[in-house]
Amino acid sequence: MADGLDKQDWEALREAGTEQDAPAGQVLVREGATGGSLFVILNGTVAITRGGRRVGGLGEGHLFGEVALLEGGARTASAIVEQDARVLVVPASAVRALFDSRPALRDRMLREAQARLLA
């Protein structure tokens, strides 16, 4: 399951999203861009970069892109596929609807995002 989400939250995200293949080298999220989707890595790996420097990596079950959606601002980092991946892409409108109908989901994602930003 994705980053600390319970089974019901995970199923709600899966129903709201679309699975896509992402080849190595593909930029999924560009630092400074407007947040349009939330991503969950189903398999493969993704590098996280800030200012062109690698600051971390994510693998199966991790989600990213939630910070821009939670705060309504620009992307805080870039996400670049390192190893061919399959990702679940959940549009911002669906994420907002889930946050409205499932406030606990929003709270869990906020806690996870804060923990990652402080790490």
PDB file of N, CA and C in Angstrom:
ATOM      1  N   MET A   1       0.829  -1.184   0.000  1.00  0.00           N
ATOM      2  CA  MET A   1       0.000   0.000   0.000  1.00  0.00           C
ATOM      3  C   MET A   1       0.874   1.249   0.000  1.00  0.00           C
ATOM      4  N   ALA A   2       0.327   2.325  -0.491  1.00  0.00           N
ATOM      5  CA  ALA A   2       1.072   3.567  -0.639  1.00  0.00           C
ATOM      6  C   ALA A   2       1.268   4.256   0.700  1.00  0.00           C
ATOM      7  N   ASP A   3       2.487   4.746   0.903  1.00  0.00           N
ATOM      8  CA  ASP A   3       2.892   5.625   1.998  1.00  0.00           C
ATOM      9  C   ASP A   3       1.910   5.794   3.158  1.00  0.00           C
ATOM     10  N   GLY A   4       1.722   4.779   3.967  1.00  0.00           N
ATOM     11  CA  GLY A   4       0.944   4.909   5.189  1.00  0.00           C
ATOM     12  C   GLY A   4      -0.559   5.024   4.996  1.00  0.00           C
ATOM     13  N   LEU A   5      -1.068   4.740   3.802  1.00  0.00           N
ATOM     14  CA  LEU A   5      -2.509   4.832   3.571  1.00  0.00           C
ATOM     15  C   LEU A   5      -3.168   3.514   3.936  1.00  0.00           C
ATOM     16  N   ASP A   6      -4.390   3.591   4.430  1.00  0.00           N
ATOM     17  CA  ASP A   6      -5.093   2.346   4.734  1.00  0.00           C
ATOM     18  C   ASP A   6      -5.708   1.773   3.458  1.00  0.00           C
ATOM     19  N   LYS A   7      -6.248   0.579   3.565  1.00  0.00           N
ATOM     20  CA  LYS A   7      -6.767  -0.136   2.390  1.00  0.00           C
ATOM     21  C   LYS A   7      -7.862   0.658   1.674  1.00  0.00           C
ATOM     22  N   GLN A   8      -8.757   1.290   2.418  1.00  0.00           N
ATOM     23  CA  GLN A   8      -9.852   2.033   1.803  1.00  0.00           C
ATOM     24  C   GLN A   8      -9.332   3.258   1.045  1.00  0.00           C
ATOM     25  N   ASP A   9      -8.348   3.947   1.608  1.00  0.00           N
ATOM     26  CA  ASP A   9      -7.760   5.105   0.924  1.00  0.00           C
ATOM     27  C   ASP A   9      -7.056   4.668  -0.357  1.00  0.00           C
ATOM     28  N   TRP A  10      -6.301   3.577  -0.270  1.00  0.00           N
ATOM     29  CA  TRP A  10      -5.581   3.062  -1.420  1.00  0.00           C
ATOM     30  C   TRP A  10      -6.561   2.683  -2.537  1.00  0.00           C
ATOM     31  N   GLU A  11      -7.646   2.006  -2.181  1.00  0.00           N
ATOM     32  CA  GLU A  11      -8.640   1.616  -3.183  1.00  0.00           C
ATOM     33  C   GLU A  11      -9.307   2.846  -3.808  1.00  0.00           C
ATOM     34  N   ALA A  12      -9.568   3.860  -2.999  1.00  0.00           N
ATOM     35  CA  ALA A  12     -10.172   5.093  -3.526  1.00  0.00           C
ATOM     36  C   ALA A  12      -9.236   5.756  -4.530  1.00  0.00           C
ATOM     37  N   LEU A  13      -7.930   5.784  -4.231  1.00  0.00           N
ATOM     38  CA  LEU A  13      -6.964   6.352  -5.177  1.00  0.00           C
ATOM     39  C   LEU A  13      -6.914   5.542  -6.460  1.00  0.00           C
ATOM     40  N   ARG A  14      -6.873   4.220  -6.337  1.00  0.00           N
ATOM     41  CA  ARG A  14      -6.813   3.352  -7.529  1.00  0.00           C
ATOM     42  C   ARG A  14      -8.027   3.579  -8.429  1.00  0.00           C
ATOM     43  N   GLU A  15      -9.199   3.715  -7.818  1.00  0.00           N
ATOM     44  CA  GLU A  15     -10.418   3.932  -8.607  1.00  0.00           C
ATOM     45  C   GLU A  15     -10.406   5.285  -9.301  1.00  0.00           C
ATOM     46  N   ALA A  16      -9.775   6.271  -8.690  1.00  0.00           N
ATOM     47  CA  ALA A  16      -9.763   7.631  -9.248  1.00  0.00           C
ATOM     48  C   ALA A  16      -8.654   7.841 -10.275  1.00  0.00           C
ATOM     49  N   GLY A  17      -7.668   6.944 -10.307  1.00  0.00           N
ATOM     50  CA  GLY A  17      -6.501   7.151 -11.162  1.00  0.00           C
ATOM     51  C   GLY A  17      -6.468   6.272 -12.388  1.00  0.00           C
ATOM     52  N   THR A  18      -5.408   6.475 -13.167  1.00  0.00           N
ATOM     53  CA  THR A  18      -5.143   5.712 -14.384  1.00  0.00           C
ATOM     54  C   THR A  18      -3.710   5.210 -14.319  1.00  0.00           C
ATOM     55  N   GLU A  19      -3.517   3.934 -14.618  1.00  0.00           N
ATOM     56  CA  GLU A  19      -2.168   3.387 -14.642  1.00  0.00           C
ATOM     57  C   GLU A  19      -1.490   3.728 -15.960  1.00  0.00           C
ATOM     58  N   GLN A  20      -0.197   4.095 -15.867  1.00  0.00           N
ATOM     59  CA  GLN A  20       0.581   4.441 -17.051  1.00  0.00           C
ATOM     60  C   GLN A  20       1.987   3.888 -16.921  1.00  0.00           C
ATOM     61  N   ASP A  21       2.550   3.485 -18.070  1.00  0.00           N
ATOM     62  CA  ASP A  21       3.952   3.081 -18.110  1.00  0.00           C
ATOM     63  C   ASP A  21       4.806   4.326 -18.264  1.00  0.00           C
ATOM     64  N   ALA A  22       5.947   4.344 -17.600  1.00  0.00           N
ATOM     65  CA  ALA A  22       6.868   5.492 -17.656  1.00  0.00           C
ATOM     66  C   ALA A  22       8.282   4.954 -17.857  1.00  0.00           C
ATOM     67  N   PRO A  23       8.884   5.216 -19.023  1.00  0.00           N
ATOM     68  CA  PRO A  23      10.230   4.706 -19.291  1.00  0.00           C
ATOM     69  C   PRO A  23      11.295   5.493 -18.524  1.00  0.00           C
ATOM     70  N   ALA A  24      12.423   4.845 -18.302  1.00  0.00           N
ATOM     71  CA  ALA A  24      13.554   5.497 -17.642  1.00  0.00           C
ATOM     72  C   ALA A  24      13.866   6.804 -18.360  1.00  0.00           C
ATOM     73  N   GLY A  25      14.124   7.848 -17.576  1.00  0.00           N
ATOM     74  CA  GLY A  25      14.443   9.163 -18.118  1.00  0.00           C
ATOM     75  C   GLY A  25      13.251  10.098 -18.246  1.00  0.00           C
ATOM     76  N   GLN A  26      12.046   9.562 -18.169  1.00  0.00           N
ATOM     77  CA  GLN A  26      10.856  10.418 -18.295  1.00  0.00           C
ATOM     78  C   GLN A  26      10.707  11.305 -17.062  1.00  0.00           C
ATOM     79  N   VAL A  27      10.461  12.587 -17.291  1.00  0.00           N
ATOM     80  CA  VAL A  27      10.203  13.525 -16.198  1.00  0.00           C
ATOM     81  C   VAL A  27       8.709  13.481 -15.909  1.00  0.00           C
ATOM     82  N   LEU A  28       8.361  13.032 -14.724  1.00  0.00           N
ATOM     83  CA  LEU A  28       6.954  12.950 -14.338  1.00  0.00           C
ATOM     84  C   LEU A  28       6.471  14.255 -13.733  1.00  0.00           C
ATOM     85  N   VAL A  29       7.348  14.912 -12.997  1.00  0.00           N
ATOM     86  CA  VAL A  29       7.031  16.170 -12.318  1.00  0.00           C
ATOM     87  C   VAL A  29       8.239  17.084 -12.466  1.00  0.00           C
ATOM     88  N   ARG A  30       7.972  18.335 -12.805  1.00  0.00           N
ATOM     89  CA  ARG A  30       9.049  19.308 -12.961  1.00  0.00           C
ATOM     90  C   ARG A  30       8.969  20.350 -11.845  1.00  0.00           C
ATOM     91  N   GLU A  31      10.073  20.537 -11.134  1.00  0.00           N
ATOM     92  CA  GLU A  31      10.158  21.515 -10.049  1.00  0.00           C
ATOM     93  C   GLU A  31       9.697  22.881 -10.543  1.00  0.00           C
ATOM     94  N   GLY A  32       8.825  23.532  -9.771  1.00  0.00           N
ATOM     95  CA  GLY A  32       8.330  24.855 -10.103  1.00  0.00           C
ATOM     96  C   GLY A  32       7.050  24.861 -10.920  1.00  0.00           C
ATOM     97  N   ALA A  33       6.699  23.723 -11.512  1.00  0.00           N
ATOM     98  CA  ALA A  33       5.474  23.648 -12.310  1.00  0.00           C
ATOM     99  C   ALA A  33       4.253  23.579 -11.392  1.00  0.00           C
ATOM    100  N   THR A  34       3.101  23.873 -11.943  1.00  0.00           N
ATOM    101  CA  THR A  34       1.851  23.763 -11.206  1.00  0.00           C
ATOM    102  C   THR A  34       1.501  22.290 -11.038  1.00  0.00           C
ATOM    103  N   GLY A  35       1.042  21.928  -9.857  1.00  0.00           N
ATOM    104  CA  GLY A  35       0.680  20.539  -9.588  1.00  0.00           C
ATOM    105  C   GLY A  35      -0.626  20.166 -10.247  1.00  0.00           C
ATOM    106  N   GLY A  36      -0.577  19.145 -11.108  1.00  0.00           N
ATOM    107  CA  GLY A  36      -1.780  18.718 -11.804  1.00  0.00           C
ATOM    108  C   GLY A  36      -2.222  17.314 -11.459  1.00  0.00           C
ATOM    109  N   SER A  37      -1.352  16.530 -10.826  1.00  0.00           N
ATOM    110  CA  SER A  37      -1.680  15.139 -10.513  1.00  0.00           C
ATOM    111  C   SER A  37      -0.892  14.658  -9.307  1.00  0.00           C
ATOM    112  N   LEU A  38      -1.402  13.611  -8.723  1.00  0.00           N
ATOM    113  CA  LEU A  38      -0.730  12.851  -7.685  1.00  0.00           C
ATOM    114  C   LEU A  38      -0.260  11.550  -8.341  1.00  0.00           C
ATOM    115  N   PHE A  39       0.894  11.055  -7.961  1.00  0.00           N
ATOM    116  CA  PHE A  39       1.442   9.839  -8.544  1.00  0.00           C
ATOM    117  C   PHE A  39       1.700   8.808  -7.453  1.00  0.00           C
ATOM    118  N   VAL A  40       1.437   7.541  -7.776  1.00  0.00           N
ATOM    119  CA  VAL A  40       1.793   6.420  -6.909  1.00  0.00           C
ATOM    120  C   VAL A  40       2.636   5.477  -7.758  1.00  0.00           C
ATOM    121  N   ILE A  41       3.803   5.104  -7.262  1.00  0.00           N
ATOM    122  CA  ILE A  41       4.679   4.195  -7.994  1.00  0.00           C
ATOM    123  C   ILE A  41       4.207   2.764  -7.755  1.00  0.00           C
ATOM    124  N   LEU A  42       3.792   2.093  -8.821  1.00  0.00           N
ATOM    125  CA  LEU A  42       3.341   0.712  -8.725  1.00  0.00           C
ATOM    126  C   LEU A  42       4.513  -0.256  -8.863  1.00  0.00           C
ATOM    127  N   ASN A  43       5.510   0.113  -9.682  1.00  0.00           N
ATOM    128  CA  ASN A  43       6.781  -0.597  -9.745  1.00  0.00           C
ATOM    129  C   ASN A  43       7.794   0.302 -10.425  1.00  0.00           C
ATOM    130  N   GLY A  44       9.078  -0.040 -10.266  1.00  0.00           N
ATOM    131  CA  GLY A  44      10.138   0.803 -10.795  1.00  0.00           C
ATOM    132  C   GLY A  44      10.632   1.777  -9.740  1.00  0.00           C
ATOM    133  N   THR A  45      11.524   2.693 -10.162  1.00  0.00           N
ATOM    134  CA  THR A  45      12.063   3.683  -9.230  1.00  0.00           C
ATOM    135  C   THR A  45      12.067   5.067  -9.854  1.00  0.00           C
ATOM    136  N   VAL A  46      11.961   6.070  -8.998  1.00  0.00           N
ATOM    137  CA  VAL A  46      11.896   7.466  -9.406  1.00  0.00           C
ATOM    138  C   VAL A  46      12.878   8.268  -8.555  1.00  0.00           C
ATOM    139  N   ALA A  47      13.706   9.076  -9.211  1.00  0.00           N
ATOM    140  CA  ALA A  47      14.636   9.971  -8.505  1.00  0.00           C
ATOM    141  C   ALA A  47      13.930  11.293  -8.234  1.00  0.00           C
ATOM    142  N   ILE A  48      14.182  11.842  -7.062  1.00  0.00           N
ATOM    143  CA  ILE A  48      13.653  13.151  -6.689  1.00  0.00           C
ATOM    144  C   ILE A  48      14.828  14.130  -6.701  1.00  0.00           C
ATOM    145  N   THR A  49      14.671  15.240  -7.429  1.00  0.00           N
ATOM    146  CA  THR A  49      15.745  16.231  -7.538  1.00  0.00           C
ATOM    147  C   THR A  49      15.217  17.613  -7.171  1.00  0.00           C
ATOM    148  N   ARG A  50      16.107  18.414  -6.592  1.00  0.00           N
ATOM    149  CA  ARG A  50      15.821  19.830  -6.308  1.00  0.00           C
ATOM    150  C   ARG A  50      17.004  20.627  -6.812  1.00  0.00           C
ATOM    151  N   GLY A  51      16.738  21.641  -7.592  1.00  0.00           N
ATOM    152  CA  GLY A  51      17.818  22.458  -8.120  1.00  0.00           C
ATOM    153  C   GLY A  51      18.804  21.650  -8.940  1.00  0.00           C
ATOM    154  N   GLY A  52      18.311  20.583  -9.587  1.00  0.00           N
ATOM    155  CA  GLY A  52      19.168  19.751 -10.415  1.00  0.00           C
ATOM    156  C   GLY A  52      19.970  18.700  -9.666  1.00  0.00           C
ATOM    157  N   ARG A  53      19.862  18.662  -8.345  1.00  0.00           N
ATOM    158  CA  ARG A  53      20.599  17.682  -7.524  1.00  0.00           C
ATOM    159  C   ARG A  53      19.656  16.597  -7.016  1.00  0.00           C
ATOM    160  N   ARG A  54      20.127  15.364  -7.076  1.00  0.00           N
ATOM    161  CA  ARG A  54      19.335  14.250  -6.566  1.00  0.00           C
ATOM    162  C   ARG A  54      19.279  14.342  -5.043  1.00  0.00           C
ATOM    163  N   VAL A  55      18.076  14.362  -4.492  1.00  0.00           N
ATOM    164  CA  VAL A  55      17.909  14.455  -3.043  1.00  0.00           C
ATOM    165  C   VAL A  55      17.262  13.207  -2.453  1.00  0.00           C
ATOM    166  N   GLY A  56      16.848  12.283  -3.326  1.00  0.00           N
ATOM    167  CA  GLY A  56      16.235  11.062  -2.835  1.00  0.00           C
ATOM    168  C   GLY A  56      15.709  10.209  -3.958  1.00  0.00           C
ATOM    169  N   GLY A  57      15.194   9.073  -3.565  1.00  0.00           N
ATOM    170  CA  GLY A  57      14.598   8.162  -4.527  1.00  0.00           C
ATOM    171  C   GLY A  57      13.390   7.488  -3.916  1.00  0.00           C
ATOM    172  N   LEU A  58      12.458   7.115  -4.770  1.00  0.00           N
ATOM    173  CA  LEU A  58      11.235   6.461  -4.324  1.00  0.00           C
ATOM    174  C   LEU A  58      11.021   5.195  -5.134  1.00  0.00           C
ATOM    175  N   GLY A  59      10.377   4.204  -4.510  1.00  0.00           N
ATOM    176  CA  GLY A  59      10.096   2.950  -5.184  1.00  0.00           C
ATOM    177  C   GLY A  59       8.648   2.536  -5.008  1.00  0.00           C
ATOM    178  N   GLU A  60       8.408   1.287  -5.254  1.00  0.00           N
ATOM    179  CA  GLU A  60       7.060   0.730  -5.227  1.00  0.00           C
ATOM    180  C   GLU A  60       6.304   1.118  -3.953  1.00  0.00           C
ATOM    181  N   GLY A  61       5.081   1.600  -4.157  1.00  0.00           N
ATOM    182  CA  GLY A  61       4.215   1.946  -3.042  1.00  0.00           C
ATOM    183  C   GLY A  61       4.326   3.377  -2.566  1.00  0.00           C
ATOM    184  N   HIS A  62       5.340   4.104  -3.011  1.00  0.00           N
ATOM    185  CA  HIS A  62       5.481   5.504  -2.598  1.00  0.00           C
ATOM    186  C   HIS A  62       4.629   6.410  -3.481  1.00  0.00           C
ATOM    187  N   LEU A  63       4.165   7.476  -2.900  1.00  0.00           N
ATOM    188  CA  LEU A  63       3.426   8.461  -3.674  1.00  0.00           C
ATOM    189  C   LEU A  63       4.170   9.786  -3.637  1.00  0.00           C
ATOM    190  N   PHE A  64       3.899  10.619  -4.639  1.00  0.00           N
ATOM    191  CA  PHE A  64       4.513  11.942  -4.683  1.00  0.00           C
ATOM    192  C   PHE A  64       3.607  12.864  -5.488  1.00  0.00           C
ATOM    193  N   GLY A  65       3.858  14.148  -5.339  1.00  0.00           N
ATOM    194  CA  GLY A  65       3.045  15.151  -6.009  1.00  0.00           C
ATOM    195  C   GLY A  65       1.955  15.717  -5.128  1.00  0.00           C
ATOM    196  N   GLU A  66       1.833  15.180  -3.923  1.00  0.00           N
ATOM    197  CA  GLU A  66       0.755  15.607  -3.042  1.00  0.00           C
ATOM    198  C   GLU A  66       0.993  16.971  -2.431  1.00  0.00           C
ATOM    199  N   VAL A  67       2.254  17.379  -2.271  1.00  0.00           N
ATOM    200  CA  VAL A  67       2.541  18.656  -1.613  1.00  0.00           C
ATOM    201  C   VAL A  67       1.927  19.808  -2.402  1.00  0.00           C
ATOM    202  N   ALA A  68       2.137  19.825  -3.715  1.00  0.00           N
ATOM    203  CA  ALA A  68       1.571  20.900  -4.546  1.00  0.00           C
ATOM    204  C   ALA A  68       0.050  20.876  -4.521  1.00  0.00           C
ATOM    205  N   LEU A  69      -0.535  19.682  -4.439  1.00  0.00           N
ATOM    206  CA  LEU A  69      -1.996  19.587  -4.397  1.00  0.00           C
ATOM    207  C   LEU A  69      -2.544  20.008  -3.040  1.00  0.00           C
ATOM    208  N   LEU A  70      -1.845  19.635  -1.970  1.00  0.00           N
ATOM    209  CA  LEU A  70      -2.294  20.001  -0.625  1.00  0.00           C
ATOM    210  C   LEU A  70      -2.178  21.502  -0.394  1.00  0.00           C
ATOM    211  N   GLU A  71      -1.098  22.103  -0.896  1.00  0.00           N
ATOM    212  CA  GLU A  71      -0.845  23.523  -0.654  1.00  0.00           C
ATOM    213  C   GLU A  71      -1.326  24.425  -1.776  1.00  0.00           C
ATOM    214  N   GLY A  72      -1.666  23.831  -2.918  1.00  0.00           N
ATOM    215  CA  GLY A  72      -2.128  24.629  -4.050  1.00  0.00           C
ATOM    216  C   GLY A  72      -1.022  25.446  -4.687  1.00  0.00           C
ATOM    217  N   GLY A  73       0.215  25.035  -4.506  1.00  0.00           N
ATOM    218  CA  GLY A  73       1.338  25.797  -5.045  1.00  0.00           C
ATOM    219  C   GLY A  73       2.096  25.041  -6.109  1.00  0.00           C
ATOM    220  N   ALA A  74       3.304  25.487  -6.333  1.00  0.00           N
ATOM    221  CA  ALA A  74       4.166  24.883  -7.347  1.00  0.00           C
ATOM    222  C   ALA A  74       4.819  23.613  -6.809  1.00  0.00           C
ATOM    223  N   ARG A  75       5.291  22.787  -7.721  1.00  0.00           N
ATOM    224  CA  ARG A  75       6.004  21.564  -7.366  1.00  0.00           C
ATOM    225  C   ARG A  75       7.286  21.930  -6.637  1.00  0.00           C
ATOM    226  N   THR A  76       7.578  21.224  -5.566  1.00  0.00           N
ATOM    227  CA  THR A  76       8.758  21.523  -4.756  1.00  0.00           C
ATOM    228  C   THR A  76       9.995  20.770  -5.226  1.00  0.00           C
ATOM    229  N   ALA A  77       9.818  19.822  -6.133  1.00  0.00           N
ATOM    230  CA  ALA A  77      10.933  19.019  -6.642  1.00  0.00           C
ATOM    231  C   ALA A  77      10.537  18.424  -7.982  1.00  0.00           C
ATOM    232  N   SER A  78      11.540  17.905  -8.679  1.00  0.00           N
ATOM    233  CA  SER A  78      11.288  17.154  -9.914  1.00  0.00           C
ATOM    234  C   SER A  78      11.309  15.672  -9.590  1.00  0.00           C
ATOM    235  N   ALA A  79      10.586  14.887 -10.380  1.00  0.00           N
ATOM    236  CA  ALA A  79      10.577  13.430 -10.249  1.00  0.00           C
ATOM    237  C   ALA A  79      10.882  12.842 -11.614  1.00  0.00           C
ATOM    238  N   ILE A  80      11.986  12.085 -11.682  1.00  0.00           N
ATOM    239  CA  ILE A  80      12.471  11.536 -12.946  1.00  0.00           C
ATOM    240  C   ILE A  80      12.580  10.025 -12.806  1.00  0.00           C
ATOM    241  N   VAL A  81      11.991   9.291 -13.740  1.00  0.00           N
ATOM    242  CA  VAL A  81      12.019   7.832 -13.695  1.00  0.00           C
ATOM    243  C   VAL A  81      13.460   7.345 -13.853  1.00  0.00           C
ATOM    244  N   GLU A  82      13.918   6.536 -12.879  1.00  0.00           N
ATOM    245  CA  GLU A  82      15.269   5.953 -12.946  1.00  0.00           C
ATOM    246  C   GLU A  82      15.248   4.596 -13.632  1.00  0.00           C
ATOM    247  N   GLN A  83      14.329   3.747 -13.217  1.00  0.00           N
ATOM    248  CA  GLN A  83      14.132   2.435 -13.832  1.00  0.00           C
ATOM    249  C   GLN A  83      12.710   2.411 -14.355  1.00  0.00           C
ATOM    250  N   ASP A  84      12.533   1.842 -15.551  1.00  0.00           N
ATOM    251  CA  ASP A  84      11.185   1.780 -16.120  1.00  0.00           C
ATOM    252  C   ASP A  84      10.175   1.535 -15.010  1.00  0.00           C
ATOM    253  N   ALA A  85       9.081   2.269 -15.067  1.00  0.00           N
ATOM    254  CA  ALA A  85       8.111   2.223 -13.974  1.00  0.00           C
ATOM    255  C   ALA A  85       6.687   2.135 -14.509  1.00  0.00           C
ATOM    256  N   ARG A  86       5.817   1.733 -13.643  1.00  0.00           N
ATOM    257  CA  ARG A  86       4.379   1.832 -13.877  1.00  0.00           C
ATOM    258  C   ARG A  86       3.862   2.679 -12.728  1.00  0.00           C
ATOM    259  N   VAL A  87       3.118   3.724 -13.072  1.00  0.00           N
ATOM    260  CA  VAL A  87       2.627   4.648 -12.057  1.00  0.00           C
ATOM    261  C   VAL A  87       1.118   4.796 -12.161  1.00  0.00           C
ATOM    262  N   LEU A  88       0.514   5.073 -11.041  1.00  0.00           N
ATOM    263  CA  LEU A  88      -0.888   5.433 -10.981  1.00  0.00           C
ATOM    264  C   LEU A  88      -0.934   6.951 -10.961  1.00  0.00           C
ATOM    265  N   VAL A  89      -1.647   7.546 -11.905  1.00  0.00           N
ATOM    266  CA  VAL A  89      -1.754   8.994 -12.013  1.00  0.00           C
ATOM    267  C   VAL A  89      -3.179   9.383 -11.623  1.00  0.00           C
ATOM    268  N   VAL A  90      -3.292  10.200 -10.583  1.00  0.00           N
ATOM    269  CA  VAL A  90      -4.603  10.628 -10.092  1.00  0.00           C
ATOM    270  C   VAL A  90      -4.722  12.133 -10.331  1.00  0.00           C
ATOM    271  N   PRO A  91      -5.643  12.565 -11.191  1.00  0.00           N
ATOM    272  CA  PRO A  91      -5.776  13.997 -11.493  1.00  0.00           C
ATOM    273  C   PRO A  91      -6.120  14.823 -10.250  1.00  0.00           C
ATOM    274  N   ALA A  92      -5.678  16.058 -10.251  1.00  0.00           N
ATOM    275  CA  ALA A  92      -5.895  16.957  -9.112  1.00  0.00           C
ATOM    276  C   ALA A  92      -7.373  17.058  -8.742  1.00  0.00           C
ATOM    277  N   SER A  93      -8.246  17.132  -9.729  1.00  0.00           N
ATOM    278  CA  SER A  93      -9.684  17.263  -9.431  1.00  0.00           C
ATOM    279  C   SER A  93     -10.190  16.044  -8.656  1.00  0.00           C
ATOM    280  N   ALA A  94      -9.699  14.853  -9.013  1.00  0.00           N
ATOM    281  CA  ALA A  94     -10.113  13.643  -8.302  1.00  0.00           C
ATOM    282  C   ALA A  94      -9.520  13.616  -6.901  1.00  0.00           C
ATOM    283  N   VAL A  95      -8.268  14.079  -6.757  1.00  0.00           N
ATOM    284  CA  VAL A  95      -7.642  14.131  -5.439  1.00  0.00           C
ATOM    285  C   VAL A  95      -8.412  15.089  -4.535  1.00  0.00           C
ATOM    286  N   ARG A  96      -8.771  16.251  -5.059  1.00  0.00           N
ATOM    287  CA  ARG A  96      -9.539  17.218  -4.248  1.00  0.00           C
ATOM    288  C   ARG A  96     -10.883  16.647  -3.823  1.00  0.00           C
ATOM    289  N   ALA A  97     -11.553  15.940  -4.738  1.00  0.00           N
ATOM    290  CA  ALA A  97     -12.833  15.311  -4.399  1.00  0.00           C
ATOM    291  C   ALA A  97     -12.639  14.263  -3.311  1.00  0.00           C
ATOM    292  N   LEU A  98     -11.547  13.490  -3.410  1.00  0.00           N
ATOM    293  CA  LEU A  98     -11.255  12.509  -2.364  1.00  0.00           C
ATOM    294  C   LEU A  98     -10.969  13.193  -1.031  1.00  0.00           C
ATOM    295  N   PHE A  99     -10.238  14.294  -1.062  1.00  0.00           N
ATOM    296  CA  PHE A  99      -9.954  15.037   0.172  1.00  0.00           C
ATOM    297  C   PHE A  99     -11.248  15.538   0.804  1.00  0.00           C
ATOM    298  N   ASP A 100     -12.199  15.997  -0.025  1.00  0.00           N
ATOM    299  CA  ASP A 100     -13.477  16.489   0.499  1.00  0.00           C
ATOM    300  C   ASP A 100     -14.298  15.361   1.119  1.00  0.00           C
ATOM    301  N   SER A 101     -14.294  14.191   0.459  1.00  0.00           N
ATOM    302  CA  SER A 101     -15.123  13.085   0.941  1.00  0.00           C
ATOM    303  C   SER A 101     -14.416  12.237   1.994  1.00  0.00           C
ATOM    304  N   ARG A 102     -13.092  12.333   2.049  1.00  0.00           N
ATOM    305  CA  ARG A 102     -12.300  11.521   2.973  1.00  0.00           C
ATOM    306  C   ARG A 102     -11.261  12.402   3.670  1.00  0.00           C
ATOM    307  N   PRO A 103     -11.681  13.255   4.603  1.00  0.00           N
ATOM    308  CA  PRO A 103     -10.735  14.156   5.264  1.00  0.00           C
ATOM    309  C   PRO A 103      -9.565  13.431   5.924  1.00  0.00           C
ATOM    310  N   ALA A 104      -9.777  12.207   6.379  1.00  0.00           N
ATOM    311  CA  ALA A 104      -8.690  11.447   7.005  1.00  0.00           C
ATOM    312  C   ALA A 104      -7.592  11.146   5.983  1.00  0.00           C
ATOM    313  N   LEU A 105      -7.956  10.948   4.729  1.00  0.00           N
ATOM    314  CA  LEU A 105      -6.973  10.725   3.668  1.00  0.00           C
ATOM    315  C   LEU A 105      -6.104  11.968   3.501  1.00  0.00           C
ATOM    316  N   ARG A 106      -6.731  13.118   3.446  1.00  0.00           N
ATOM    317  CA  ARG A 106      -5.980  14.379   3.333  1.00  0.00           C
ATOM    318  C   ARG A 106      -5.036  14.538   4.507  1.00  0.00           C
ATOM    319  N   ASP A 107      -5.507  14.239   5.714  1.00  0.00           N
ATOM    320  CA  ASP A 107      -4.680  14.382   6.906  1.00  0.00           C
ATOM    321  C   ASP A 107      -3.489  13.429   6.880  1.00  0.00           C
ATOM    322  N   ARG A 108      -3.717  12.170   6.456  1.00  0.00           N
ATOM    323  CA  ARG A 108      -2.617  11.205   6.373  1.00  0.00           C
ATOM    324  C   ARG A 108      -1.584  11.648   5.341  1.00  0.00           C
ATOM    325  N   MET A 109      -2.046  12.127   4.190  1.00  0.00           N
ATOM    326  CA  MET A 109      -1.113  12.585   3.158  1.00  0.00           C
ATOM    327  C   MET A 109      -0.330  13.798   3.635  1.00  0.00           C
ATOM    328  N   LEU A 110      -0.977  14.682   4.357  1.00  0.00           N
ATOM    329  CA  LEU A 110      -0.292  15.850   4.886  1.00  0.00           C
ATOM    330  C   LEU A 110       0.797  15.442   5.868  1.00  0.00           C
ATOM    331  N   ARG A 111       0.491  14.501   6.762  1.00  0.00           N
ATOM    332  CA  ARG A 111       1.490  14.011   7.719  1.00  0.00           C
ATOM    333  C   ARG A 111       2.681  13.361   6.995  1.00  0.00           C
ATOM    334  N   GLU A 112       2.380  12.541   5.990  1.00  0.00           N
ATOM    335  CA  GLU A 112       3.440  11.871   5.228  1.00  0.00           C
ATOM    336  C   GLU A 112       4.306  12.901   4.503  1.00  0.00           C
ATOM    337  N   ALA A 113       3.677  13.901   3.905  1.00  0.00           N
ATOM    338  CA  ALA A 113       4.408  14.936   3.182  1.00  0.00           C
ATOM    339  C   ALA A 113       5.302  15.726   4.140  1.00  0.00           C
ATOM    340  N   GLN A 114       4.774  16.088   5.296  1.00  0.00           N
ATOM    341  CA  GLN A 114       5.562  16.823   6.279  1.00  0.00           C
ATOM    342  C   GLN A 114       6.756  16.009   6.753  1.00  0.00           C
ATOM    343  N   ALA A 115       6.544  14.720   7.002  1.00  0.00           N
ATOM    344  CA  ALA A 115       7.633  13.856   7.449  1.00  0.00           C
ATOM    345  C   ALA A 115       8.715  13.773   6.392  1.00  0.00           C
ATOM    346  N   ARG A 116       8.328  13.675   5.124  1.00  0.00           N
ATOM    347  CA  ARG A 116       9.305  13.581   4.039  1.00  0.00           C
ATOM    348  C   ARG A 116      10.059  14.885   3.880  1.00  0.00           C
ATOM    349  N   LEU A 117       9.370  16.014   4.003  1.00  0.00           N
ATOM    350  CA  LEU A 117      10.026  17.305   3.856  1.00  0.00           C
ATOM    351  C   LEU A 117      11.004  17.590   5.000  1.00  0.00           C
ATOM    352  N   LEU A 118      10.719  17.060   6.183  1.00  0.00           N
ATOM    353  CA  LEU A 118      11.577  17.274   7.340  1.00  0.00           C
ATOM    354  C   LEU A 118      12.748  16.301   7.395  1.00  0.00           C
ATOM    355  N   ALA A 119      12.672  15.221   6.619  1.00  0.00           N
ATOM    356  CA  ALA A 119      13.733  14.190   6.651  1.00  0.00           C
ATOM    357  C   ALA A 119      15.004  14.675   5.998  1.00  0.00           C
TER     358      ALA A 119
END
